[in-house]
Protein backbone atom coordinates (compact mmCIF):
# COMPACT_ATOMS: atom_id res chain seq x y z
CA MET A 1 -26.17 26.11 23.25
CA THR A 2 -26.40 29.67 21.78
CA ARG A 3 -23.99 32.32 22.49
CA SER A 4 -26.80 34.31 24.44
CA ILE A 5 -27.36 31.53 26.64
CA ILE A 6 -23.76 30.90 27.41
CA SER A 7 -23.10 34.53 28.08
CA GLU A 8 -26.19 34.76 30.52
CA LYS A 9 -24.83 31.71 32.33
CA PHE A 10 -21.42 33.10 32.73
CA SER A 11 -22.85 36.47 33.90
CA ALA A 12 -24.73 34.84 36.37
CA PHE A 13 -21.73 32.65 37.46
CA PHE A 14 -19.39 35.55 37.66
CA LEU A 15 -21.84 37.71 39.54
CA LEU A 16 -22.08 34.78 42.04
CA CYS A 17 -18.31 34.70 42.25
CA MET A 18 -18.06 38.43 42.88
CA LEU A 19 -20.59 38.16 45.78
CA CYS A 20 -18.85 35.27 47.20
CA SER A 21 -15.47 37.19 47.12
CA THR A 22 -16.70 40.66 48.46
CA GLY A 23 -14.93 41.60 51.56
CA PHE A 24 -11.56 39.88 50.58
CA THR A 25 -8.94 39.59 53.20
CA ALA A 26 -5.19 38.87 53.21
CA ASP A 27 -6.00 35.31 54.62
CA LYS A 28 -7.48 34.29 51.29
CA PRO A 29 -4.92 31.50 50.15
CA ASN A 30 -2.93 31.44 46.92
CA ILE A 31 -3.27 28.54 44.75
CA ILE A 32 -0.48 26.84 42.86
CA ILE A 33 -1.03 23.79 40.75
CA PHE A 34 2.19 22.16 39.33
CA LEU A 35 1.46 19.54 36.66
CA ALA A 36 4.18 17.14 35.27
CA ASP A 37 4.02 15.75 31.97
CA ASP A 38 4.66 11.99 31.57
CA LEU A 39 6.30 11.45 34.89
CA GLY A 40 6.32 7.99 36.31
CA TYR A 41 4.97 7.11 39.70
CA ALA A 42 8.49 6.02 40.95
CA ASP A 43 10.29 9.17 39.49
CA ILE A 44 10.20 11.14 42.79
CA GLY A 45 11.85 10.50 45.95
CA VAL A 46 8.90 10.02 48.11
CA ASN A 47 7.66 7.33 45.80
CA GLY A 48 11.00 5.45 46.00
CA CYS A 49 13.19 7.11 43.15
CA LYS A 50 16.77 6.30 43.91
CA ASP A 51 18.87 7.57 41.04
CA ILE A 52 17.24 11.14 40.49
CA PRO A 53 16.98 13.54 43.69
CA THR A 54 13.69 15.49 43.74
CA PRO A 55 14.09 17.55 46.82
CA ASN A 56 11.56 20.29 45.92
CA ILE A 57 8.85 17.90 45.03
CA ASP A 58 9.44 15.80 48.05
CA GLY A 59 9.56 18.90 50.23
CA ILE A 60 5.91 19.57 49.28
CA ALA A 61 5.07 16.03 50.45
CA ASN A 62 7.09 16.33 53.62
CA SER A 63 5.39 19.55 54.48
CA GLY A 64 2.09 18.26 53.51
CA VAL A 65 0.59 15.02 52.35
CA ARG A 66 1.64 12.33 49.83
CA PHE A 67 -1.26 10.52 48.04
CA THR A 68 -0.40 6.81 47.40
CA ASP A 69 -3.39 6.43 45.18
CA GLY A 70 -3.54 9.58 43.33
CA TYR A 71 -4.81 9.29 39.80
CA ALA A 72 -4.99 11.20 36.48
CA THR A 73 -8.33 11.45 34.95
CA HIS A 74 -7.05 9.88 31.77
CA CYS A 75 -3.97 7.77 30.59
CA VAL A 76 -2.84 10.51 27.85
CA CYS A 77 -2.10 14.20 28.25
CA SER A 78 -4.67 16.37 26.71
CA PRO A 79 -8.10 14.79 28.13
CA SER A 80 -6.27 14.67 31.65
CA ARG A 81 -5.67 18.39 31.54
CA ALA A 82 -9.28 19.12 30.51
CA GLY A 83 -10.42 16.98 33.56
CA LEU A 84 -8.29 19.29 35.84
CA MET A 85 -9.61 22.63 34.33
CA SER A 86 -13.11 21.26 34.27
CA GLY A 87 -13.42 19.67 37.57
CA MET A 88 -15.17 16.71 36.01
CA TYR A 89 -14.67 13.70 33.94
CA GLN A 90 -13.87 15.22 30.60
CA HIS A 91 -16.08 12.49 28.98
CA ARG A 92 -19.18 14.49 30.20
CA PHE A 93 -18.46 16.93 27.39
CA GLY A 94 -16.92 14.58 24.62
CA PHE A 95 -13.27 15.35 25.43
CA GLU A 96 -11.61 11.88 25.18
CA HIS A 97 -8.70 11.95 23.06
CA ASN A 98 -5.62 13.83 22.33
CA SER A 99 -5.74 16.47 19.45
CA GLY A 100 -2.41 15.64 17.40
CA PRO A 101 -0.41 18.69 16.24
CA GLU A 102 -2.52 21.94 16.03
CA ARG A 103 -2.16 22.05 12.23
CA PHE A 104 -3.98 18.46 11.97
CA ALA A 105 -6.35 18.69 14.92
CA ASP A 106 -10.12 18.11 14.46
CA PRO A 107 -12.03 21.48 14.42
CA ASN A 108 -14.13 20.24 17.27
CA PHE A 109 -11.16 19.95 19.61
CA GLY A 110 -11.00 21.86 22.83
CA GLN A 111 -12.86 22.51 26.12
CA PRO A 112 -16.14 24.10 25.26
CA ARG A 113 -16.88 27.59 26.32
CA GLU A 114 -20.09 26.27 28.25
CA VAL A 115 -17.54 24.30 30.55
CA PRO A 116 -15.91 27.05 32.62
CA THR A 117 -12.32 26.46 33.65
CA LEU A 118 -10.85 26.70 37.10
CA ALA A 119 -9.14 29.93 36.12
CA GLU A 120 -12.52 31.52 35.14
CA LYS A 121 -13.99 30.57 38.41
CA LEU A 122 -11.21 31.90 40.56
CA LYS A 123 -10.75 35.09 38.48
CA GLY A 124 -14.44 35.63 39.12
CA ALA A 125 -13.57 35.23 42.69
CA GLY A 126 -11.11 37.96 42.67
CA TYR A 127 -7.91 36.18 41.97
CA ALA A 128 -4.84 37.08 39.84
CA THR A 129 -4.47 34.03 37.50
CA GLY A 130 -1.37 33.07 35.56
CA MET A 131 -0.71 30.00 33.42
CA ILE A 132 2.89 28.88 32.37
CA GLY A 133 3.61 26.05 30.02
CA LYS A 134 1.81 23.54 28.17
CA TRP A 135 -2.26 24.23 27.39
CA HIS A 136 -3.23 21.41 25.15
CA ILE A 137 -7.09 21.93 25.56
CA GLY A 138 -7.87 24.44 22.89
CA PHE A 139 -6.37 25.99 19.90
CA LYS A 140 -9.12 28.16 18.24
CA GLU A 141 -10.08 31.69 19.18
CA GLY A 142 -11.97 31.78 22.32
CA LEU A 143 -10.35 28.56 23.67
CA ARG A 144 -6.84 29.74 24.45
CA PRO A 145 -5.56 30.39 27.91
CA GLN A 146 -5.81 34.20 27.90
CA GLU A 147 -9.42 33.61 26.64
CA ARG A 148 -10.32 31.04 29.33
CA GLY A 149 -9.77 33.00 32.55
CA PHE A 150 -5.95 33.53 32.68
CA ASP A 151 -4.84 37.14 33.05
CA TYR A 152 -1.36 35.96 31.82
CA HIS A 153 -0.17 33.08 29.81
CA TYR A 154 3.50 32.21 28.58
CA GLY A 155 3.84 28.78 26.87
CA PHE A 156 2.60 26.80 24.09
CA LEU A 157 -0.75 25.34 23.02
CA SER A 158 -0.08 21.84 21.58
CA GLY A 159 1.27 18.74 23.27
CA ALA A 160 4.96 18.85 22.82
CA HIS A 161 7.70 21.36 22.19
CA THR A 162 11.46 21.42 21.85
CA TYR A 163 13.33 22.56 24.97
CA LEU A 164 16.27 24.13 23.05
CA ALA A 165 16.39 27.85 22.56
CA GLY A 166 16.59 29.19 19.06
CA ARG A 167 15.03 25.99 17.45
CA GLN A 168 12.18 26.36 14.91
CA ASP A 169 8.94 24.77 16.16
CA ASN A 170 5.39 24.34 14.44
CA ASP A 171 3.85 25.47 17.71
CA PRO A 172 5.51 28.76 18.93
CA ILE A 173 5.98 29.88 22.31
CA VAL A 174 3.46 32.75 22.87
CA ARG A 175 2.81 35.49 25.49
CA ASN A 176 -0.79 36.06 25.63
CA GLY A 177 -1.26 34.73 21.96
CA GLN A 178 1.91 36.82 20.60
CA PRO A 179 4.78 34.66 19.54
CA VAL A 180 8.03 35.29 21.40
CA LYS A 181 11.55 33.89 20.97
CA THR A 182 13.22 31.92 23.97
CA THR A 183 16.62 32.34 24.98
CA LYS A 184 17.11 29.63 27.57
CA TYR A 185 16.33 25.94 28.04
CA LEU A 186 12.59 25.95 28.05
CA THR A 187 11.99 24.61 31.62
CA ASP A 188 14.28 27.31 33.01
CA GLU A 189 12.37 29.92 30.89
CA PHE A 190 9.10 28.65 32.22
CA ALA A 191 10.62 29.11 35.91
CA ASP A 192 11.68 32.69 35.10
CA GLU A 193 7.88 33.47 33.89
CA ALA A 194 6.42 31.71 36.76
CA VAL A 195 8.68 33.57 39.49
CA GLY A 196 7.76 36.80 37.58
CA PHE A 197 4.14 36.24 37.92
CA VAL A 198 4.35 35.57 41.73
CA GLU A 199 6.17 38.63 42.22
CA ARG A 200 3.77 40.85 40.25
CA SER A 201 0.89 39.21 42.04
CA LYS A 202 1.91 39.49 45.58
CA ASP A 203 -0.54 42.14 46.58
CA LYS A 204 -3.62 39.96 45.81
CA PRO A 205 -4.51 36.31 46.00
CA PHE A 206 -3.20 34.56 42.89
CA PHE A 207 -3.70 31.12 41.13
CA LEU A 208 -0.60 30.02 39.26
CA TYR A 209 -1.04 26.93 37.00
CA PHE A 210 2.41 25.83 36.21
CA ALA A 211 1.82 23.13 33.41
CA PHE A 212 5.17 21.52 32.52
CA ASN A 213 6.03 19.81 29.44
CA ALA A 214 8.76 18.20 31.00
CA VAL A 215 9.50 15.14 31.01
CA HIS A 216 7.59 14.53 27.89
CA SER A 217 9.73 14.13 24.79
CA PRO A 218 11.65 15.23 22.81
CA MET A 219 14.49 14.10 24.87
CA ASP A 220 16.52 17.23 24.42
CA GLU A 221 19.91 17.07 25.90
CA ASN A 222 20.61 19.85 28.67
CA ALA A 223 23.19 21.10 31.11
CA TYR A 224 21.38 19.42 34.18
CA GLN A 225 22.17 15.95 33.00
CA ASP A 226 26.06 16.63 33.62
CA ARG A 227 25.08 16.18 37.35
CA PHE A 228 24.45 12.46 36.65
CA PRO A 229 27.65 10.87 35.27
CA GLU A 230 26.59 7.58 36.60
CA LEU A 231 23.60 7.31 34.23
CA ALA A 232 23.57 6.94 30.41
CA GLY A 233 21.38 7.20 27.54
CA LYS A 234 17.78 8.27 27.85
CA ARG A 235 17.89 7.88 31.64
CA LYS A 236 20.59 10.44 31.92
CA ILE A 237 18.85 12.83 29.77
CA PHE A 238 15.70 12.23 31.67
CA ALA A 239 17.48 12.94 34.85
CA GLY A 240 18.55 16.31 33.58
CA MET A 241 14.81 17.07 32.44
CA LEU A 242 13.39 16.13 35.68
CA THR A 243 16.12 18.04 37.63
CA ALA A 244 15.25 21.00 35.65
CA LEU A 245 11.49 20.46 36.69
CA ASP A 246 12.19 20.09 40.17
CA THR A 247 14.52 23.15 40.24
CA ALA A 248 11.84 25.16 38.61
CA ILE A 249 9.34 24.09 41.35
CA GLY A 250 11.94 25.23 44.02
CA ARG A 251 12.40 28.57 42.47
CA VAL A 252 8.68 29.05 42.65
CA MET A 253 8.48 27.95 46.30
CA THR A 254 11.34 30.16 47.14
CA LYS A 255 9.68 33.15 45.72
CA VAL A 256 6.43 32.40 47.56
CA LYS A 257 8.37 32.35 50.68
CA GLU A 258 10.31 35.71 50.04
CA ILE A 259 6.89 37.43 49.62
CA GLY A 260 5.80 36.09 52.92
CA GLN A 261 3.08 33.63 51.61
CA GLU A 262 4.33 30.21 52.34
CA ASP A 263 1.73 29.48 54.96
CA ASN A 264 -1.01 31.23 52.89
CA THR A 265 -0.59 29.04 49.74
CA LEU A 266 -2.04 25.83 48.84
CA VAL A 267 0.27 23.65 46.54
CA ILE A 268 -0.43 20.68 44.45
CA PHE A 269 1.72 18.63 42.44
CA TYR A 270 0.84 15.63 40.18
CA SER A 271 1.44 14.17 36.56
CA ASP A 272 -1.18 14.34 33.85
CA ASN A 273 -0.52 10.46 33.23
CA GLY A 274 1.80 7.69 33.86
CA GLY A 275 5.24 7.42 32.70
CA PRO A 276 5.85 6.26 28.88
CA THR A 277 8.78 4.19 29.92
CA SER A 278 10.13 3.34 26.24
CA ASP A 279 9.78 6.88 25.22
CA ASN A 280 11.54 8.64 28.17
CA SER A 281 12.80 5.91 30.45
CA SER A 282 10.36 7.00 33.33
CA LEU A 283 9.74 4.55 35.94
CA ASN A 284 6.30 3.31 37.19
CA THR A 285 7.55 0.87 39.67
CA PRO A 286 5.79 -1.33 41.08
CA LEU A 287 2.94 -0.54 38.80
CA ARG A 288 2.06 -2.51 35.71
CA GLY A 289 1.84 -0.67 32.25
CA PHE A 290 2.63 2.85 31.21
CA LYS A 291 1.08 5.81 29.51
CA ALA A 292 -1.83 5.32 27.20
CA GLN A 293 -2.75 2.12 29.22
CA MET A 294 -5.47 1.60 31.91
CA PHE A 295 -3.29 -0.42 33.93
CA GLU A 296 -2.04 1.32 37.01
CA GLY A 297 1.23 2.45 35.34
CA GLY A 298 -0.84 4.61 32.85
CA ILE A 299 -3.15 6.40 35.31
CA ARG A 300 -1.71 6.27 38.81
CA VAL A 301 0.66 9.17 39.31
CA PRO A 302 2.77 11.11 41.80
CA PHE A 303 0.58 13.35 43.85
CA VAL A 304 1.43 15.42 46.69
CA MET A 305 -0.08 18.55 48.44
CA GLN A 306 0.83 21.18 50.92
CA TRP A 307 -0.88 23.96 52.91
CA LYS A 308 0.97 24.87 55.92
CA GLY A 309 -1.00 25.18 58.94
CA LYS A 310 -4.17 23.79 57.25
CA ILE A 311 -3.14 20.27 56.62
CA PRO A 312 -0.82 18.00 58.69
CA SER A 313 2.76 17.61 57.45
CA GLY A 314 4.43 14.32 56.69
CA ARG A 315 1.07 12.66 56.11
CA THR A 316 0.54 9.59 53.90
CA TYR A 317 -2.97 9.38 52.35
CA ARG A 318 -4.14 5.94 51.12
CA GLU A 319 -7.50 6.47 49.78
CA MET A 320 -7.83 7.16 46.07
CA VAL A 321 -8.06 10.61 44.78
CA MET A 322 -8.27 11.94 41.18
CA GLY A 323 -6.92 15.00 39.35
CA PHE A 324 -10.21 16.69 39.26
CA ASP A 325 -10.21 16.86 43.02
CA CYS A 326 -7.41 19.46 42.71
CA HIS A 327 -10.15 21.66 40.95
CA THR A 328 -12.81 21.44 43.70
CA THR A 329 -10.21 21.70 46.48
CA ALA A 330 -9.02 24.98 45.03
CA LEU A 331 -12.57 26.22 44.86
CA ALA A 332 -13.13 25.31 48.43
CA ALA A 333 -9.91 26.92 49.53
CA ALA A 334 -10.98 30.17 47.85
CA GLY A 335 -14.26 30.18 49.67
CA ILE A 336 -16.20 28.85 46.67
CA GLU A 337 -17.67 25.63 48.11
CA SER A 338 -19.28 23.00 45.85
CA GLY A 339 -22.59 23.92 47.39
CA ILE A 340 -22.29 27.60 46.24
CA GLY A 341 -22.74 27.65 42.62
CA PHE A 342 -21.46 24.26 41.95
CA GLN A 343 -23.39 21.19 42.46
CA PRO A 344 -22.09 17.55 43.16
CA VAL A 345 -22.46 15.66 39.90
CA GLU A 346 -24.60 13.07 41.10
CA ASN A 347 -27.37 15.46 42.29
CA SER A 348 -27.16 17.74 39.28
CA ARG A 349 -26.73 15.77 35.96
CA GLN A 350 -29.22 13.30 34.41
CA ALA A 351 -27.89 10.59 32.38
CA GLY A 352 -26.17 11.98 29.28
CA SER A 353 -26.68 15.70 30.00
CA LEU A 354 -24.28 18.29 31.22
CA SER A 355 -25.46 20.48 34.05
CA HIS A 356 -23.66 24.00 34.36
CA GLY A 357 -21.61 23.98 37.44
CA ALA A 358 -21.67 20.27 37.98
CA LEU A 359 -18.41 18.70 39.47
CA ASP A 360 -17.13 15.17 39.93
CA GLY A 361 -14.24 16.41 42.02
CA VAL A 362 -14.13 16.43 45.86
CA ASN A 363 -12.68 18.78 48.33
CA LEU A 364 -9.83 16.67 49.75
CA ILE A 365 -8.93 18.98 52.74
CA PRO A 366 -11.59 17.60 55.39
CA PHE A 367 -10.55 13.97 54.54
CA ILE A 368 -6.75 14.76 54.91
CA ASN A 369 -7.58 16.56 58.41
CA GLY A 370 -9.75 13.86 59.49
CA LYS A 371 -12.93 16.09 59.81
CA GLN A 372 -14.83 13.93 57.17
CA SER A 373 -14.75 10.11 57.56
CA GLY A 374 -15.01 7.58 54.62
CA ARG A 375 -13.31 7.83 51.20
CA PRO A 376 -13.29 10.81 48.81
CA HIS A 377 -14.44 8.51 46.11
CA GLU A 378 -15.95 5.02 46.32
CA GLN A 379 -15.66 4.38 42.53
CA LEU A 380 -13.51 5.96 39.64
CA PHE A 381 -13.58 5.55 35.98
CA TRP A 382 -11.58 5.87 32.88
CA ARG A 383 -12.35 5.53 29.27
CA ALA A 384 -10.18 6.03 26.25
CA GLY A 385 -11.74 4.82 23.08
CA GLN A 386 -11.92 1.00 23.01
CA GLN A 387 -10.38 0.52 26.49
CA HIS A 388 -11.60 1.46 29.85
CA ALA A 389 -11.23 0.71 33.60
CA ALA A 390 -13.06 0.98 36.78
CA ARG A 391 -12.14 1.03 40.30
CA VAL A 392 -14.53 0.36 43.06
CA GLY A 393 -12.86 0.21 46.53
CA ASP A 394 -9.92 -2.09 46.28
CA TRP A 395 -11.17 -3.75 43.02
CA LYS A 396 -10.13 -2.69 39.70
CA LEU A 397 -11.44 -3.60 36.21
CA VAL A 398 -9.37 -3.30 33.15
CA ASP A 399 -10.75 -3.90 29.70
CA THR A 400 -8.34 -3.45 26.68
CA ARG A 401 -11.04 -4.68 24.29
CA ILE A 402 -8.45 -6.81 22.59
CA GLU A 403 -8.47 -9.29 25.22
CA PRO A 404 -10.99 -10.50 27.83
CA PRO A 405 -11.76 -8.19 30.72
CA MET A 406 -9.47 -8.35 33.58
CA LEU A 407 -10.13 -8.04 37.39
CA PHE A 408 -7.49 -7.12 40.07
CA ASN A 409 -7.54 -6.80 43.93
CA LEU A 410 -5.21 -3.82 44.31
CA LYS A 411 -4.97 -4.06 48.00
CA GLU A 412 -3.37 -7.45 47.49
CA ASP A 413 -1.78 -7.14 44.05
CA ILE A 414 -0.83 -3.49 43.28
CA SER A 415 1.19 -4.72 40.49
CA GLU A 416 -1.88 -6.27 38.69
CA SER A 417 -0.14 -9.59 38.15
CA LYS A 418 -3.05 -11.85 39.15
CA ASP A 419 -6.27 -11.67 36.93
CA LEU A 420 -9.27 -12.66 39.23
CA ALA A 421 -11.86 -12.55 36.44
CA ALA A 422 -12.34 -16.25 36.18
CA THR A 423 -12.50 -16.89 39.87
CA GLN A 424 -14.46 -13.75 40.87
CA PRO A 425 -17.19 -13.51 38.14
CA ASP A 426 -19.74 -11.75 40.44
CA LYS A 427 -17.20 -9.13 41.33
CA LEU A 428 -16.25 -8.80 37.69
CA LYS A 429 -20.00 -8.23 36.63
CA GLU A 430 -20.28 -5.72 39.60
CA LEU A 431 -17.48 -3.43 38.39
CA GLN A 432 -18.80 -3.84 34.64
CA SER A 433 -22.33 -2.71 35.88
CA ALA A 434 -20.63 0.28 37.83
CA PHE A 435 -18.87 1.34 34.62
CA ALA A 436 -21.95 0.94 32.50
CA GLU A 437 -23.96 3.07 34.82
CA TRP A 438 -21.25 5.70 34.78
CA GLU A 439 -20.96 5.80 30.93
CA LYS A 440 -24.70 6.67 30.76
CA GLY A 441 -23.60 10.15 31.84
CA THR A 442 -20.99 10.54 29.27
CA LYS A 443 -20.95 11.65 25.55
CA PRO A 444 -19.21 10.01 22.61
CA ALA A 445 -15.86 11.20 21.78
CA LEU A 446 -16.23 14.37 19.69
CA TRP A 447 -12.89 13.80 17.75
CA VAL A 448 -9.89 11.58 17.56
CA ARG A 449 -6.23 12.38 17.40
CA GLN A 450 -4.90 13.13 14.01
CA ASP A 451 -1.52 14.00 12.47
CA GLY A 452 -0.08 14.02 9.10
CA ARG A 453 -0.91 10.59 8.22
CA THR A 454 -4.74 10.75 9.38
CA GLU A 455 -5.64 14.38 8.56
CA GLY A 456 -9.05 14.80 7.51
CA ILE A 457 -10.30 11.10 8.19
CA ALA A 458 -12.47 12.07 11.23
CA THR A 459 -16.15 12.51 10.03
CA LYS A 460 -19.42 12.59 11.46
CA ALA A 461 -22.05 9.86 10.47
CA LYS A 462 -25.65 10.45 11.58
CA GLY A 463 -24.45 12.80 14.42
CA LYS A 464 -21.75 10.39 15.75
CA ALA A 465 -17.91 11.04 15.62
CA THR A 466 -16.19 8.22 13.52
CA SER A 467 -12.83 7.96 12.56
CA ALA A 468 -10.12 5.42 11.42
CA ALA A 469 -6.84 4.87 13.16
CA GLY A 470 -5.46 3.75 9.71
CA SER A 471 -6.76 4.87 6.36
CA ARG A 472 -6.98 1.25 4.92
CA ILE A 473 -9.51 0.20 7.47
CA GLN A 474 -11.49 3.40 6.93
CA GLU A 475 -11.57 3.02 3.19
CA ALA A 476 -12.52 -0.68 3.46
CA LEU A 477 -15.46 0.24 5.99
CA LYS A 478 -16.67 2.88 3.55
CA THR A 479 -16.56 0.60 0.63
CA ALA A 480 -18.41 -2.25 2.34
CA ASP A 481 -20.80 0.11 4.13
CA LYS A 482 -23.72 -0.23 1.61
CA ASN A 483 -26.33 1.60 3.62
CA GLY A 484 -24.10 4.27 4.82
CA ASP A 485 -24.81 3.81 8.70
CA GLY A 486 -21.24 3.74 9.61
CA LYS A 487 -21.06 -0.14 10.73
CA LEU A 488 -21.12 -3.34 8.80
CA SER A 489 -23.84 -6.18 9.23
CA GLN A 490 -22.62 -9.73 8.62
CA GLU A 491 -24.06 -9.50 5.05
CA GLU A 492 -21.93 -6.53 4.52
CA TYR A 493 -18.79 -7.59 5.88
CA PRO A 494 -16.16 -8.64 3.39
CA GLN A 495 -15.13 -11.78 5.34
CA PRO A 496 -18.16 -13.28 6.94
CA ALA A 497 -16.32 -16.27 8.57
CA ILE A 498 -14.44 -14.06 11.04
CA PHE A 499 -17.55 -11.68 11.46
CA LYS A 500 -18.40 -13.16 14.93
CA ASP A 501 -14.75 -12.68 16.16
CA VAL A 502 -14.84 -9.05 15.01
CA ASP A 503 -18.36 -8.28 16.60
CA LYS A 504 -17.20 -8.38 20.32
CA ASP A 505 -20.45 -6.93 21.82
CA ASN A 506 -22.55 -9.37 19.78
CA ASP A 507 -24.98 -6.64 18.57
CA GLY A 508 -25.01 -7.82 14.87
CA PHE A 509 -22.73 -5.18 13.63
CA ALA A 510 -19.00 -4.64 13.34
CA THR A 511 -18.00 -1.06 14.07
CA ARG A 512 -14.70 0.58 13.03
CA GLU A 513 -13.35 0.31 16.58
CA GLU A 514 -14.19 -3.45 16.74
CA ILE A 515 -12.43 -4.01 13.33
CA GLN A 516 -9.48 -1.97 14.43
CA ALA A 517 -9.27 -3.93 17.72
CA TYR A 518 -9.58 -7.36 15.96
CA TYR A 519 -6.58 -6.63 13.67
CA GLN A 520 -4.47 -5.17 16.46
CA ALA A 521 -4.88 -8.29 18.37
CA ARG A 522 -3.85 -10.31 15.41
CA ARG A 523 -0.93 -8.42 14.79
CA ALA A 524 -0.01 -8.81 18.56
CA THR A 525 -0.49 -12.53 18.34
CA THR A 526 1.78 -12.80 15.25
CA LYS A 527 4.40 -10.70 16.93
CA LYS A 528 4.34 -13.22 19.85
CA GLU A 529 4.53 -16.22 17.40
C-alpha cells in the first residue's frame, strides 16, 4: 500500500471521527485500560489469590464485572498488545511473534501504519490520549506511541526493562521519544506519570493506556516485598511487584475520583497473557499450562471492567470475551459504533485480505447489561507458529504440533486434564475445520523473535517469511535444499528413513517448522526417559 493511499484512508477516517465527535459534551466518558504483563489467572483476589492482596483490582471487579472466561489474543506479550491496539486478530496483518530486543528485531516488526490504533481512533474523536509503560508493537520511526495517536507517552518500547532507578538498560525510558532518567522504582514512576496525565486532561475526555511491565521479569527486589515476611524467594519478590502494580492502579483511580470523573470513566483491566509460573512464580490455578502455551493457563487471564451507572456492579460474566473486545467497547463508549466507520470483520473481509476498519472485537456493554442476548463470541482462535488452539462454545482444541491434537470440554474440565480427542472424533474435526476456516483470513507471520543468538537468520524465500529457531537446523536446511524452495522433499532430506515422521501434514515436504518440531519432540522424549 502506497503512502498516498494510506494518507487518504487516514484522512477520511479522521474526518469521520471529527464528524462523529462534533457537539462533544461532558458526559462523553473517559477510558482507561490497565494492561498487566505476565499476570497469572489466580493472582488477583477475585480469582482466588490468597497470599497477595489486590484491593484496587478487586475494587474494579466489585464495582463492575468480573469475566471468568476472559482471554488474551495471544499467549505472549507483543502480539497480544497488537490485538488490543488493532481491535482484531493480529494474525490478520502478520503480527504473530514477539520481536526480541529492539537491537536484534526483524525490520518488519511492528503494527503497520495502515492498521490504525485505538489511540488514533479516539484522538480523531476528540480525546486526549496518553500511554504509560511498555509499548512493544513498533520500534521504527512512524511506529512509536507518539506517532500512533498518543499525545503523550512515557515508558519504553521493547519487551522488558529493569525496575531499578539508575540502572543502565539497552532500551531507555523515553518521554515522547526522548530518553530520560528514572529516580524511583519503575512501577511507581509510571504511576506518577499516569496520575499526572489524568490531572492534565481533566477538562476534556481522555484515553489512558497504562501498559505495565509488571509482573514481567526481571525479578527486581523492591520495598513492597517487605510487607510479605511469610513469603520467600521469587514469590516474595513477585508479591512486591504485584503490590506496586495494584497500588499504581489505586492511585490512578483515586485521581479520577478527585477530578469528579469516577462515574464517567470506563475502566478495564486484564493481562496480556497467562503467567509464566517458573519465571516469576505467578499462579494460573486451576488452569493447565502457562505463558507461551495454548492451554488455558497461557491465554485465559484476569479480566475485569467498571463503568459506574452504565454496567451493574458485582456482576460475574461467564461467556468468553477477548482482549480485542476492549477496543470495540471503548469505541462504542466514545460514540464510535462499529457500524460507523468500522465494519464487523465477517462482513468486510475476504479470505486473506485486510479491510480498512474491520474489527474482530465486540462491544461488551450490551451483553453485560442483558440488552443483547447470546454470546459475544461463538468461536475464538489462537495461533503461535506451530501451535494453535480454537474454542467453540465449551469445546477447546489444542494442537501443540509435537503431539496429537487434543480436545477438551471446558465446562466439565476447566483444567484440561481429560483429552477427549479419541472418544469425540467428530467434535475434534468440527473444531479443526473451524480453525482452518478462520486461518484463511490470516497472513503468514512476517517475522520471528530474534535475539543475540539468532540475529539475522530471518529471511524471505519466495515471498514467505522463513526463519530458524536454531542456527544448526537453518544451516542444515539450506545445505540440503537443492532447489532453493525453502523446504525439503523426501529425496532432499538427509535422513529419508524418518521423513514420514517429520512431514506431519503429509504434503510430501518437510518445512523448517516441521523439522524443528520433530527434534523438539525427540528431546522431550529423551528427557522423560
